[in-house]
């Protein structure tokens, strides 16, 4: 005859465990399909970062099966969007479409930055890389980098260059040029690349670094002249334009990138899911074509590779940004 008391005791214990299960905290292992995702951008609408985020968002939405909504949170050279990501739930509903300066430059120059990107954000996956191009007004007598450096040495403090703001990639490209060439240049920060480029075209500025994809239309239209690109190799969009190394500065190389970050302490399964979805986006031929048309190169890597590159760039810009501060 079977004993009923042990069986009854096991049934009671099982029922109690089931009743208590909803009360126990569970890790967010995956963003449920259909739940909207906020994609935070640290710059105003219309700029290059925002434009790329709006190309990426619908493609990622298709891979995740969820709406991906771009939200512009400009402020503090992109750091505000990062701060909002740090404070968000680590469930995949809030992601940060980050430009490299926010991760690798701003921590050196912003006194009031309230988080550490390397510690407080989860590096999910790199997205793309880009180079800058040095341009001058079309009517400028400066025909090449040698001319520009000769003019800077002959007229210290009288060559003005614009940027998208203090701490932007094109700002630090100019700082690095001044440091390596041992010349004095005057930085003029703007609220975005477009107004700075307008003043280069108009002759109010003598020079500017801009993202290749953003500057190419002005170069093609004959409004500005390209002197050199900042990458180690020539850019396919501007094959006739030499690199800074070829133009006379052998140690000069500046590259930027965009990447996807999340809040800290994201579950590994969720990180993998988001990274896999992003890599599928990067593998799409149509997406790659759009990147190439804008002067970008896809960078399909891992979160670990992203963290390593960010650490390397952070160290580089630490030497360039001494004495530079933003509020």
C-alpha atoms as a PDB file:
ATOM      1  CA  UNK A   1       0.000   0.000   0.000  1.00  0.00           C
ATOM      2  CA  UNK A   2       1.399   3.460  -1.000  1.00  0.00           C
ATOM      3  CA  UNK A   3       1.906   6.012   1.779  1.00  0.00           C
ATOM      4  CA  UNK A   4      -0.084   9.226   1.123  1.00  0.00           C
ATOM      5  CA  UNK A   5       1.544  11.506   3.752  1.00  0.00           C
ATOM      6  CA  UNK A   6       4.954  12.087   1.994  1.00  0.00           C
ATOM      7  CA  UNK A   7       3.179  12.661  -1.319  1.00  0.00           C
ATOM      8  CA  UNK A   8       0.816  15.197   0.272  1.00  0.00           C
ATOM      9  CA  UNK A   9       3.811  16.978   1.857  1.00  0.00           C
ATOM     10  CA  UNK A  10       5.609  17.219  -1.529  1.00  0.00           C
ATOM     11  CA  UNK A  11       2.482  18.631  -3.182  1.00  0.00           C
ATOM     12  CA  UNK A  12       2.134  21.305  -0.497  1.00  0.00           C
ATOM     13  CA  UNK A  13       5.796  22.348  -0.868  1.00  0.00           C
ATOM     14  CA  UNK A  14       5.461  22.542  -4.663  1.00  0.00           C
ATOM     15  CA  UNK A  15       2.334  24.700  -4.409  1.00  0.00           C
ATOM     16  CA  UNK A  16       4.054  27.047  -1.991  1.00  0.00           C
ATOM     17  CA  UNK A  17       7.031  27.433  -4.298  1.00  0.00           C
ATOM     18  CA  UNK A  18       4.792  28.244  -7.245  1.00  0.00           C
ATOM     19  CA  UNK A  19       2.893  30.824  -5.193  1.00  0.00           C
ATOM     20  CA  UNK A  20       6.109  32.554  -4.132  1.00  0.00           C
ATOM     21  CA  UNK A  21       7.800  32.538  -7.551  1.00  0.00           C
ATOM     22  CA  UNK A  22       6.282  35.837  -8.834  1.00  0.00           C
ATOM     23  CA  UNK A  23       7.643  37.602  -5.742  1.00  0.00           C
ATOM     24  CA  UNK A  24      11.260  36.713  -6.537  1.00  0.00           C
ATOM     25  CA  UNK A  25      13.282  39.176  -8.669  1.00  0.00           C
ATOM     26  CA  UNK A  26      14.022  37.804 -12.112  1.00  0.00           C
ATOM     27  CA  UNK A  27      16.739  39.060 -14.480  1.00  0.00           C
ATOM     28  CA  UNK A  28      15.597  40.764 -17.674  1.00  0.00           C
ATOM     29  CA  UNK A  29      16.802  38.097 -20.076  1.00  0.00           C
ATOM     30  CA  UNK A  30      15.271  39.479 -23.244  1.00  0.00           C
ATOM     31  CA  UNK A  31      13.361  42.461 -24.488  1.00  0.00           C
ATOM     32  CA  UNK A  32       9.894  41.062 -25.276  1.00  0.00           C
ATOM     33  CA  UNK A  33       8.889  41.406 -28.925  1.00  0.00           C
ATOM     34  CA  UNK A  34       6.466  44.257 -29.427  1.00  0.00           C
ATOM     35  CA  UNK A  35       7.735  46.387 -26.519  1.00  0.00           C
ATOM     36  CA  UNK A  36       8.986  49.768 -27.854  1.00  0.00           C
ATOM     37  CA  UNK A  37      12.683  50.575 -27.571  1.00  0.00           C
ATOM     38  CA  UNK A  38      13.900  54.127 -26.940  1.00  0.00           C
ATOM     39  CA  UNK A  39      17.056  54.882 -28.924  1.00  0.00           C
ATOM     40  CA  UNK A  40      18.630  57.940 -27.284  1.00  0.00           C
ATOM     41  CA  UNK A  41      20.741  60.312 -29.375  1.00  0.00           C
ATOM     42  CA  UNK A  42      22.855  62.920 -27.615  1.00  0.00           C
ATOM     43  CA  UNK A  43      22.653  65.528 -30.378  1.00  0.00           C
ATOM     44  CA  UNK A  44      19.940  67.634 -31.973  1.00  0.00           C
ATOM     45  CA  UNK A  45      17.860  66.432 -34.902  1.00  0.00           C
ATOM     46  CA  UNK A  46      19.356  66.990 -38.341  1.00  0.00           C
ATOM     47  CA  UNK A  47      23.001  66.365 -37.488  1.00  0.00           C
ATOM     48  CA  UNK A  48      25.080  63.400 -38.680  1.00  0.00           C
ATOM     49  CA  UNK A  49      24.579  61.316 -35.521  1.00  0.00           C
ATOM     50  CA  UNK A  50      20.820  61.812 -35.585  1.00  0.00           C
ATOM     51  CA  UNK A  51      20.654  61.074 -39.321  1.00  0.00           C
ATOM     52  CA  UNK A  52      22.500  57.795 -38.903  1.00  0.00           C
ATOM     53  CA  UNK A  53      20.372  56.792 -35.905  1.00  0.00           C
ATOM     54  CA  UNK A  54      17.226  57.301 -37.981  1.00  0.00           C
ATOM     55  CA  UNK A  55      18.596  55.007 -40.692  1.00  0.00           C
ATOM     56  CA  UNK A  56      19.571  52.382 -38.125  1.00  0.00           C
ATOM     57  CA  UNK A  57      16.380  52.450 -36.014  1.00  0.00           C
ATOM     58  CA  UNK A  58      13.881  50.957 -38.507  1.00  0.00           C
ATOM     59  CA  UNK A  59      16.334  48.233 -39.495  1.00  0.00           C
ATOM     60  CA  UNK A  60      16.883  47.278 -35.857  1.00  0.00           C
ATOM     61  CA  UNK A  61      13.109  47.345 -35.307  1.00  0.00           C
ATOM     62  CA  UNK A  62      12.657  44.731 -38.010  1.00  0.00           C
ATOM     63  CA  UNK A  63      15.241  42.470 -36.410  1.00  0.00           C
ATOM     64  CA  UNK A  64      13.804  42.828 -32.900  1.00  0.00           C
ATOM     65  CA  UNK A  65      10.131  42.758 -33.822  1.00  0.00           C
ATOM     66  CA  UNK A  66       9.619  45.969 -31.810  1.00  0.00           C
ATOM     67  CA  UNK A  67       9.278  49.638 -32.587  1.00  0.00           C
ATOM     68  CA  UNK A  68      12.559  51.534 -32.127  1.00  0.00           C
ATOM     69  CA  UNK A  69      11.885  55.199 -31.456  1.00  0.00           C
ATOM     70  CA  UNK A  70      14.676  57.764 -31.810  1.00  0.00           C
ATOM     71  CA  UNK A  71      14.658  60.345 -29.017  1.00  0.00           C
ATOM     72  CA  UNK A  72      16.968  63.350 -29.245  1.00  0.00           C
ATOM     73  CA  UNK A  73      18.431  64.345 -25.875  1.00  0.00           C
ATOM     74  CA  UNK A  74      21.022  66.983 -26.776  1.00  0.00           C
ATOM     75  CA  UNK A  75      23.252  68.443 -24.114  1.00  0.00           C
ATOM     76  CA  UNK A  76      26.786  68.287 -22.709  1.00  0.00           C
ATOM     77  CA  UNK A  77      28.288  67.030 -25.991  1.00  0.00           C
ATOM     78  CA  UNK A  78      26.112  63.916 -25.947  1.00  0.00           C
ATOM     79  CA  UNK A  79      26.672  63.124 -22.276  1.00  0.00           C
ATOM     80  CA  UNK A  80      23.073  63.864 -21.268  1.00  0.00           C
ATOM     81  CA  UNK A  81      21.745  60.983 -23.358  1.00  0.00           C
ATOM     82  CA  UNK A  82      24.339  58.718 -21.756  1.00  0.00           C
ATOM     83  CA  UNK A  83      23.269  59.830 -18.290  1.00  0.00           C
ATOM     84  CA  UNK A  84      19.632  59.047 -19.086  1.00  0.00           C
ATOM     85  CA  UNK A  85      20.705  55.602 -20.286  1.00  0.00           C
ATOM     86  CA  UNK A  86      22.643  54.935 -17.080  1.00  0.00           C
ATOM     87  CA  UNK A  87      19.506  55.653 -15.048  1.00  0.00           C
ATOM     88  CA  UNK A  88      17.197  53.528 -17.207  1.00  0.00           C
ATOM     89  CA  UNK A  89      15.988  50.006 -16.526  1.00  0.00           C
ATOM     90  CA  UNK A  90      18.433  47.367 -17.773  1.00  0.00           C
ATOM     91  CA  UNK A  91      15.719  45.518 -19.718  1.00  0.00           C
ATOM     92  CA  UNK A  92      16.565  46.605 -23.263  1.00  0.00           C
ATOM     93  CA  UNK A  93      13.832  49.240 -23.467  1.00  0.00           C
ATOM     94  CA  UNK A  94      16.378  52.101 -23.466  1.00  0.00           C
ATOM     95  CA  UNK A  95      19.521  52.086 -25.614  1.00  0.00           C
ATOM     96  CA  UNK A  96      22.156  54.739 -26.334  1.00  0.00           C
ATOM     97  CA  UNK A  97      23.215  55.467 -29.927  1.00  0.00           C
ATOM     98  CA  UNK A  98      26.602  56.892 -28.953  1.00  0.00           C
ATOM     99  CA  UNK A  99      29.162  58.839 -30.949  1.00  0.00           C
ATOM    100  CA  UNK A 100      32.717  58.128 -29.838  1.00  0.00           C
ATOM    101  CA  UNK A 101      33.508  61.651 -28.521  1.00  0.00           C
ATOM    102  CA  UNK A 102      30.915  61.232 -25.772  1.00  0.00           C
ATOM    103  CA  UNK A 103      32.669  58.076 -24.601  1.00  0.00           C
ATOM    104  CA  UNK A 104      36.323  58.961 -25.219  1.00  0.00           C
ATOM    105  CA  UNK A 105      36.665  62.771 -25.150  1.00  0.00           C
ATOM    106  CA  UNK A 106      33.956  64.286 -22.967  1.00  0.00           C
ATOM    107  CA  UNK A 107      35.046  62.418 -19.794  1.00  0.00           C
ATOM    108  CA  UNK A 108      38.341  64.336 -19.959  1.00  0.00           C
ATOM    109  CA  UNK A 109      36.874  67.809 -20.360  1.00  0.00           C
ATOM    110  CA  UNK A 110      33.483  67.929 -18.634  1.00  0.00           C
ATOM    111  CA  UNK A 111      33.865  68.879 -14.992  1.00  0.00           C
ATOM    112  CA  UNK A 112      30.306  67.961 -14.019  1.00  0.00           C
ATOM    113  CA  UNK A 113      29.938  64.615 -15.802  1.00  0.00           C
ATOM    114  CA  UNK A 114      27.945  62.505 -13.349  1.00  0.00           C
ATOM    115  CA  UNK A 115      28.850  59.068 -14.622  1.00  0.00           C
ATOM    116  CA  UNK A 116      31.783  57.112 -16.021  1.00  0.00           C
ATOM    117  CA  UNK A 117      30.943  55.692 -19.480  1.00  0.00           C
ATOM    118  CA  UNK A 118      33.484  52.874 -19.081  1.00  0.00           C
ATOM    119  CA  UNK A 119      31.978  51.819 -15.754  1.00  0.00           C
ATOM    120  CA  UNK A 120      28.302  52.757 -15.945  1.00  0.00           C
ATOM    121  CA  UNK A 121      27.328  51.798 -19.507  1.00  0.00           C
ATOM    122  CA  UNK A 122      27.228  48.353 -21.082  1.00  0.00           C
ATOM    123  CA  UNK A 123      29.091  48.269 -24.433  1.00  0.00           C
ATOM    124  CA  UNK A 124      26.746  46.228 -26.627  1.00  0.00           C
ATOM    125  CA  UNK A 125      28.182  46.367 -30.130  1.00  0.00           C
ATOM    126  CA  UNK A 126      30.085  48.751 -32.442  1.00  0.00           C
ATOM    127  CA  UNK A 127      28.198  50.002 -35.479  1.00  0.00           C
ATOM    128  CA  UNK A 128      30.404  51.956 -37.861  1.00  0.00           C
ATOM    129  CA  UNK A 129      33.572  53.980 -38.174  1.00  0.00           C
ATOM    130  CA  UNK A 130      34.302  57.248 -39.929  1.00  0.00           C
ATOM    131  CA  UNK A 131      37.073  59.713 -40.729  1.00  0.00           C
ATOM    132  CA  UNK A 132      37.191  63.487 -40.869  1.00  0.00           C
ATOM    133  CA  UNK A 133      38.407  65.607 -43.764  1.00  0.00           C
ATOM    134  CA  UNK A 134      40.209  68.944 -43.485  1.00  0.00           C
ATOM    135  CA  UNK A 135      38.597  71.588 -45.713  1.00  0.00           C
ATOM    136  CA  UNK A 136      39.217  75.254 -46.505  1.00  0.00           C
ATOM    137  CA  UNK A 137      37.069  77.762 -48.436  1.00  0.00           C
ATOM    138  CA  UNK A 138      37.142  77.180 -52.176  1.00  0.00           C
ATOM    139  CA  UNK A 139      38.685  80.596 -52.724  1.00  0.00           C
ATOM    140  CA  UNK A 140      41.410  80.099 -50.126  1.00  0.00           C
ATOM    141  CA  UNK A 141      45.037  80.457 -51.262  1.00  0.00           C
ATOM    142  CA  UNK A 142      45.842  77.377 -49.166  1.00  0.00           C
ATOM    143  CA  UNK A 143      46.139  74.562 -51.685  1.00  0.00           C
ATOM    144  CA  UNK A 144      47.462  71.791 -49.446  1.00  0.00           C
ATOM    145  CA  UNK A 145      48.418  70.985 -45.856  1.00  0.00           C
ATOM    146  CA  UNK A 146      51.921  72.407 -46.306  1.00  0.00           C
ATOM    147  CA  UNK A 147      50.420  75.762 -47.319  1.00  0.00           C
ATOM    148  CA  UNK A 148      48.123  75.742 -44.292  1.00  0.00           C
ATOM    149  CA  UNK A 149      50.911  74.962 -41.827  1.00  0.00           C
ATOM    150  CA  UNK A 150      53.174  77.602 -43.387  1.00  0.00           C
ATOM    151  CA  UNK A 151      50.376  80.174 -43.002  1.00  0.00           C
ATOM    152  CA  UNK A 152      49.796  79.117 -39.395  1.00  0.00           C
ATOM    153  CA  UNK A 153      53.496  79.515 -38.566  1.00  0.00           C
ATOM    154  CA  UNK A 154      53.671  82.887 -40.272  1.00  0.00           C
ATOM    155  CA  UNK A 155      50.467  84.113 -38.589  1.00  0.00           C
ATOM    156  CA  UNK A 156      50.207  82.458 -35.136  1.00  0.00           C
ATOM    157  CA  UNK A 157      46.722  82.685 -33.667  1.00  0.00           C
ATOM    158  CA  UNK A 158      45.176  84.045 -36.864  1.00  0.00           C
ATOM    159  CA  UNK A 159      43.832  80.850 -38.451  1.00  0.00           C
ATOM    160  CA  UNK A 160      40.355  80.038 -37.183  1.00  0.00           C
ATOM    161  CA  UNK A 161      38.671  76.644 -37.426  1.00  0.00           C
ATOM    162  CA  UNK A 162      35.119  75.651 -36.557  1.00  0.00           C
ATOM    163  CA  UNK A 163      33.624  72.562 -34.951  1.00  0.00           C
ATOM    164  CA  UNK A 164      30.328  71.088 -33.797  1.00  0.00           C
ATOM    165  CA  UNK A 165      31.205  72.142 -30.237  1.00  0.00           C
ATOM    166  CA  UNK A 166      33.813  71.811 -27.532  1.00  0.00           C
ATOM    167  CA  UNK A 167      34.848  68.176 -27.263  1.00  0.00           C
ATOM    168  CA  UNK A 168      33.512  67.171 -30.688  1.00  0.00           C
ATOM    169  CA  UNK A 169      35.651  64.959 -32.901  1.00  0.00           C
ATOM    170  CA  UNK A 170      36.362  67.806 -35.308  1.00  0.00           C
ATOM    171  CA  UNK A 171      37.384  70.072 -32.428  1.00  0.00           C
ATOM    172  CA  UNK A 172      39.952  67.564 -31.187  1.00  0.00           C
ATOM    173  CA  UNK A 173      41.118  66.867 -34.738  1.00  0.00           C
ATOM    174  CA  UNK A 174      42.204  70.511 -34.838  1.00  0.00           C
ATOM    175  CA  UNK A 175      43.801  70.325 -31.395  1.00  0.00           C
ATOM    176  CA  UNK A 176      45.814  67.278 -32.437  1.00  0.00           C
ATOM    177  CA  UNK A 177      46.923  69.028 -35.629  1.00  0.00           C
ATOM    178  CA  UNK A 178      48.117  72.051 -33.646  1.00  0.00           C
ATOM    179  CA  UNK A 179      49.925  69.826 -31.165  1.00  0.00           C
ATOM    180  CA  UNK A 180      51.725  67.646 -33.704  1.00  0.00           C
ATOM    181  CA  UNK A 181      52.569  70.459 -36.141  1.00  0.00           C
ATOM    182  CA  UNK A 182      53.474  72.849 -33.302  1.00  0.00           C
ATOM    183  CA  UNK A 183      51.273  75.666 -34.596  1.00  0.00           C
ATOM    184  CA  UNK A 184      48.726  77.944 -32.940  1.00  0.00           C
ATOM    185  CA  UNK A 185      45.160  77.627 -34.227  1.00  0.00           C
ATOM    186  CA  UNK A 186      42.016  79.288 -32.833  1.00  0.00           C
ATOM    187  CA  UNK A 187      39.014  77.052 -32.183  1.00  0.00           C
ATOM    188  CA  UNK A 188      35.505  78.465 -32.749  1.00  0.00           C
ATOM    189  CA  UNK A 189      32.763  76.133 -31.408  1.00  0.00           C
ATOM    190  CA  UNK A 190      29.335  76.064 -33.045  1.00  0.00           C
ATOM    191  CA  UNK A 191      26.098  74.261 -32.217  1.00  0.00           C
ATOM    192  CA  UNK A 192      26.558  71.635 -34.880  1.00  0.00           C
ATOM    193  CA  UNK A 193      28.597  70.999 -38.014  1.00  0.00           C
ATOM    194  CA  UNK A 194      26.249  72.753 -40.448  1.00  0.00           C
ATOM    195  CA  UNK A 195      26.603  76.338 -39.144  1.00  0.00           C
ATOM    196  CA  UNK A 196      30.372  75.925 -38.909  1.00  0.00           C
ATOM    197  CA  UNK A 197      30.533  74.675 -42.493  1.00  0.00           C
ATOM    198  CA  UNK A 198      28.438  77.642 -43.631  1.00  0.00           C
ATOM    199  CA  UNK A 199      31.059  79.981 -42.199  1.00  0.00           C
ATOM    200  CA  UNK A 200      33.853  78.071 -43.925  1.00  0.00           C
ATOM    201  CA  UNK A 201      31.999  78.424 -47.217  1.00  0.00           C
ATOM    202  CA  UNK A 202      31.486  82.124 -46.514  1.00  0.00           C
ATOM    203  CA  UNK A 203      35.138  82.658 -45.649  1.00  0.00           C
ATOM    204  CA  UNK A 204      34.590  83.618 -42.003  1.00  0.00           C
ATOM    205  CA  UNK A 205      36.635  80.548 -40.993  1.00  0.00           C
ATOM    206  CA  UNK A 206      39.914  79.547 -42.595  1.00  0.00           C
ATOM    207  CA  UNK A 207      39.489  75.796 -42.085  1.00  0.00           C
ATOM    208  CA  UNK A 208      37.433  72.993 -40.567  1.00  0.00           C
ATOM    209  CA  UNK A 209      37.464  69.257 -40.018  1.00  0.00           C
ATOM    210  CA  UNK A 210      34.173  67.554 -40.875  1.00  0.00           C
ATOM    211  CA  UNK A 211      32.940  63.986 -41.277  1.00  0.00           C
ATOM    212  CA  UNK A 212      33.741  62.833 -44.809  1.00  0.00           C
ATOM    213  CA  UNK A 213      30.122  61.952 -45.551  1.00  0.00           C
ATOM    214  CA  UNK A 214      28.919  65.349 -44.362  1.00  0.00           C
ATOM    215  CA  UNK A 215      31.539  67.386 -46.217  1.00  0.00           C
ATOM    216  CA  UNK A 216      31.519  65.476 -49.499  1.00  0.00           C
ATOM    217  CA  UNK A 217      28.520  67.331 -50.983  1.00  0.00           C
ATOM    218  CA  UNK A 218      30.177  70.702 -50.340  1.00  0.00           C
ATOM    219  CA  UNK A 219      33.421  69.450 -51.868  1.00  0.00           C
ATOM    220  CA  UNK A 220      31.608  68.091 -54.928  1.00  0.00           C
ATOM    221  CA  UNK A 221      29.710  71.371 -55.339  1.00  0.00           C
ATOM    222  CA  UNK A 222      32.959  73.333 -55.338  1.00  0.00           C
ATOM    223  CA  UNK A 223      32.099  75.240 -52.161  1.00  0.00           C
ATOM    224  CA  UNK A 224      35.099  74.020 -50.150  1.00  0.00           C
ATOM    225  CA  UNK A 225      38.443  72.420 -50.992  1.00  0.00           C
ATOM    226  CA  UNK A 226      39.589  69.197 -49.322  1.00  0.00           C
ATOM    227  CA  UNK A 227      43.208  69.134 -48.175  1.00  0.00           C
ATOM    228  CA  UNK A 228      43.516  65.784 -46.360  1.00  0.00           C
ATOM    229  CA  UNK A 229      41.581  63.018 -44.620  1.00  0.00           C
ATOM    230  CA  UNK A 230      42.367  61.956 -41.059  1.00  0.00           C
ATOM    231  CA  UNK A 231      42.254  58.180 -41.555  1.00  0.00           C
ATOM    232  CA  UNK A 232      45.265  55.912 -42.012  1.00  0.00           C
ATOM    233  CA  UNK A 233      44.183  55.116 -45.586  1.00  0.00           C
ATOM    234  CA  UNK A 234      42.482  57.179 -48.261  1.00  0.00           C
ATOM    235  CA  UNK A 235      38.697  57.339 -48.133  1.00  0.00           C
ATOM    236  CA  UNK A 236      36.733  55.710 -50.989  1.00  0.00           C
ATOM    237  CA  UNK A 237      34.453  58.762 -51.201  1.00  0.00           C
ATOM    238  CA  UNK A 238      37.466  61.054 -51.738  1.00  0.00           C
ATOM    239  CA  UNK A 239      40.092  58.838 -53.372  1.00  0.00           C
ATOM    240  CA  UNK A 240      42.041  61.798 -54.766  1.00  0.00           C
ATOM    241  CA  UNK A 241      42.453  63.429 -51.331  1.00  0.00           C
ATOM    242  CA  UNK A 242      45.648  62.431 -49.462  1.00  0.00           C
ATOM    243  CA  UNK A 243      45.765  61.328 -45.859  1.00  0.00           C
ATOM    244  CA  UNK A 244      47.250  63.652 -43.252  1.00  0.00           C
ATOM    245  CA  UNK A 245      50.243  61.301 -43.176  1.00  0.00           C
ATOM    246  CA  UNK A 246      50.734  61.551 -46.917  1.00  0.00           C
ATOM    247  CA  UNK A 247      50.293  65.313 -46.737  1.00  0.00           C
ATOM    248  CA  UNK A 248      53.157  65.773 -44.293  1.00  0.00           C
ATOM    249  CA  UNK A 249      52.184  64.701 -40.762  1.00  0.00           C
ATOM    250  CA  UNK A 250      53.351  61.070 -40.472  1.00  0.00           C
ATOM    251  CA  UNK A 251      52.026  60.508 -36.945  1.00  0.00           C
ATOM    252  CA  UNK A 252      48.546  61.933 -37.510  1.00  0.00           C
ATOM    253  CA  UNK A 253      45.497  59.656 -37.476  1.00  0.00           C
ATOM    254  CA  UNK A 254      42.005  60.361 -36.159  1.00  0.00           C
ATOM    255  CA  UNK A 255      39.016  58.087 -36.502  1.00  0.00           C
ATOM    256  CA  UNK A 256      35.598  58.139 -34.929  1.00  0.00           C
ATOM    257  CA  UNK A 257      32.831  55.621 -34.509  1.00  0.00           C
ATOM    258  CA  UNK A 258      29.229  55.107 -33.483  1.00  0.00           C
ATOM    259  CA  UNK A 259      28.200  52.294 -31.169  1.00  0.00           C
ATOM    260  CA  UNK A 260      25.270  50.900 -29.238  1.00  0.00           C
ATOM    261  CA  UNK A 261      25.372  51.043 -25.439  1.00  0.00           C
ATOM    262  CA  UNK A 262      22.909  50.052 -22.729  1.00  0.00           C
ATOM    263  CA  UNK A 263      22.520  50.594 -18.995  1.00  0.00           C
ATOM    264  CA  UNK A 264      24.848  48.830 -16.618  1.00  0.00           C
ATOM    265  CA  UNK A 265      24.162  45.292 -15.342  1.00  0.00           C
ATOM    266  CA  UNK A 266      22.308  44.055 -18.401  1.00  0.00           C
ATOM    267  CA  UNK A 267      21.753  40.311 -18.475  1.00  0.00           C
ATOM    268  CA  UNK A 268      24.232  38.508 -20.777  1.00  0.00           C
ATOM    269  CA  UNK A 269      21.399  36.871 -22.741  1.00  0.00           C
ATOM    270  CA  UNK A 270      19.877  40.276 -23.469  1.00  0.00           C
ATOM    271  CA  UNK A 271      23.251  41.715 -24.477  1.00  0.00           C
ATOM    272  CA  UNK A 272      23.747  38.823 -26.893  1.00  0.00           C
ATOM    273  CA  UNK A 273      20.286  39.244 -28.383  1.00  0.00           C
ATOM    274  CA  UNK A 274      20.742  42.959 -29.042  1.00  0.00           C
ATOM    275  CA  UNK A 275      24.252  42.468 -30.398  1.00  0.00           C
ATOM    276  CA  UNK A 276      23.145  39.668 -32.726  1.00  0.00           C
ATOM    277  CA  UNK A 277      20.251  41.793 -34.034  1.00  0.00           C
ATOM    278  CA  UNK A 278      22.612  44.700 -34.679  1.00  0.00           C
ATOM    279  CA  UNK A 279      25.133  42.523 -36.514  1.00  0.00           C
ATOM    280  CA  UNK A 280      22.326  41.272 -38.756  1.00  0.00           C
ATOM    281  CA  UNK A 281      21.512  44.897 -39.572  1.00  0.00           C
ATOM    282  CA  UNK A 282      25.167  45.593 -40.407  1.00  0.00           C
ATOM    283  CA  UNK A 283      25.273  42.554 -42.710  1.00  0.00           C
ATOM    284  CA  UNK A 284      22.393  43.805 -44.865  1.00  0.00           C
ATOM    285  CA  UNK A 285      23.602  44.846 -48.333  1.00  0.00           C
ATOM    286  CA  UNK A 286      21.107  47.745 -48.448  1.00  0.00           C
ATOM    287  CA  UNK A 287      22.322  49.042 -45.086  1.00  0.00           C
ATOM    288  CA  UNK A 288      25.948  48.770 -46.153  1.00  0.00           C
ATOM    289  CA  UNK A 289      25.139  50.703 -49.333  1.00  0.00           C
ATOM    290  CA  UNK A 290      23.607  53.526 -47.308  1.00  0.00           C
ATOM    291  CA  UNK A 291      26.652  53.615 -45.037  1.00  0.00           C
ATOM    292  CA  UNK A 292      29.019  53.794 -48.005  1.00  0.00           C
ATOM    293  CA  UNK A 293      26.989  56.600 -49.583  1.00  0.00           C
ATOM    294  CA  UNK A 294      27.435  58.630 -46.388  1.00  0.00           C
ATOM    295  CA  UNK A 295      31.154  57.920 -46.075  1.00  0.00           C
ATOM    296  CA  UNK A 296      30.883  55.405 -43.233  1.00  0.00           C
ATOM    297  CA  UNK A 297      32.309  51.898 -42.902  1.00  0.00           C
ATOM    298  CA  UNK A 298      30.439  49.140 -41.012  1.00  0.00           C
ATOM    299  CA  UNK A 299      32.227  47.881 -37.909  1.00  0.00           C
ATOM    300  CA  UNK A 300      30.789  44.522 -36.927  1.00  0.00           C
ATOM    301  CA  UNK A 301      32.546  43.584 -33.701  1.00  0.00           C
ATOM    302  CA  UNK A 302      31.866  42.488 -30.153  1.00  0.00           C
ATOM    303  CA  UNK A 303      31.167  44.419 -26.998  1.00  0.00           C
ATOM    304  CA  UNK A 304      34.635  43.468 -25.775  1.00  0.00           C
ATOM    305  CA  UNK A 305      36.241  44.886 -28.933  1.00  0.00           C
ATOM    306  CA  UNK A 306      34.203  48.058 -28.522  1.00  0.00           C
ATOM    307  CA  UNK A 307      35.361  48.450 -24.915  1.00  0.00           C
ATOM    308  CA  UNK A 308      38.999  47.922 -25.936  1.00  0.00           C
ATOM    309  CA  UNK A 309      38.814  50.548 -28.710  1.00  0.00           C
ATOM    310  CA  UNK A 310      37.092  53.008 -26.378  1.00  0.00           C
ATOM    311  CA  UNK A 311      39.852  52.550 -23.796  1.00  0.00           C
ATOM    312  CA  UNK A 312      42.540  53.117 -26.448  1.00  0.00           C
ATOM    313  CA  UNK A 313      40.861  56.291 -27.727  1.00  0.00           C
ATOM    314  CA  UNK A 314      40.260  57.545 -24.193  1.00  0.00           C
ATOM    315  CA  UNK A 315      43.996  57.350 -23.544  1.00  0.00           C
ATOM    316  CA  UNK A 316      44.818  59.183 -26.796  1.00  0.00           C
ATOM    317  CA  UNK A 317      42.470  62.074 -26.141  1.00  0.00           C
ATOM    318  CA  UNK A 318      43.633  62.373 -22.567  1.00  0.00           C
ATOM    319  CA  UNK A 319      46.929  63.759 -23.840  1.00  0.00           C
ATOM    320  CA  UNK A 320      45.235  66.164 -26.275  1.00  0.00           C
ATOM    321  CA  UNK A 321      42.573  67.620 -23.988  1.00  0.00           C
ATOM    322  CA  UNK A 322      44.735  68.937 -21.158  1.00  0.00           C
ATOM    323  CA  UNK A 323      43.527  72.404 -20.247  1.00  0.00           C
ATOM    324  CA  UNK A 324      40.224  72.088 -22.150  1.00  0.00           C
ATOM    325  CA  UNK A 325      37.004  72.167 -20.136  1.00  0.00           C
ATOM    326  CA  UNK A 326      33.279  72.394 -20.773  1.00  0.00           C
ATOM    327  CA  UNK A 327      30.475  72.893 -18.279  1.00  0.00           C
END
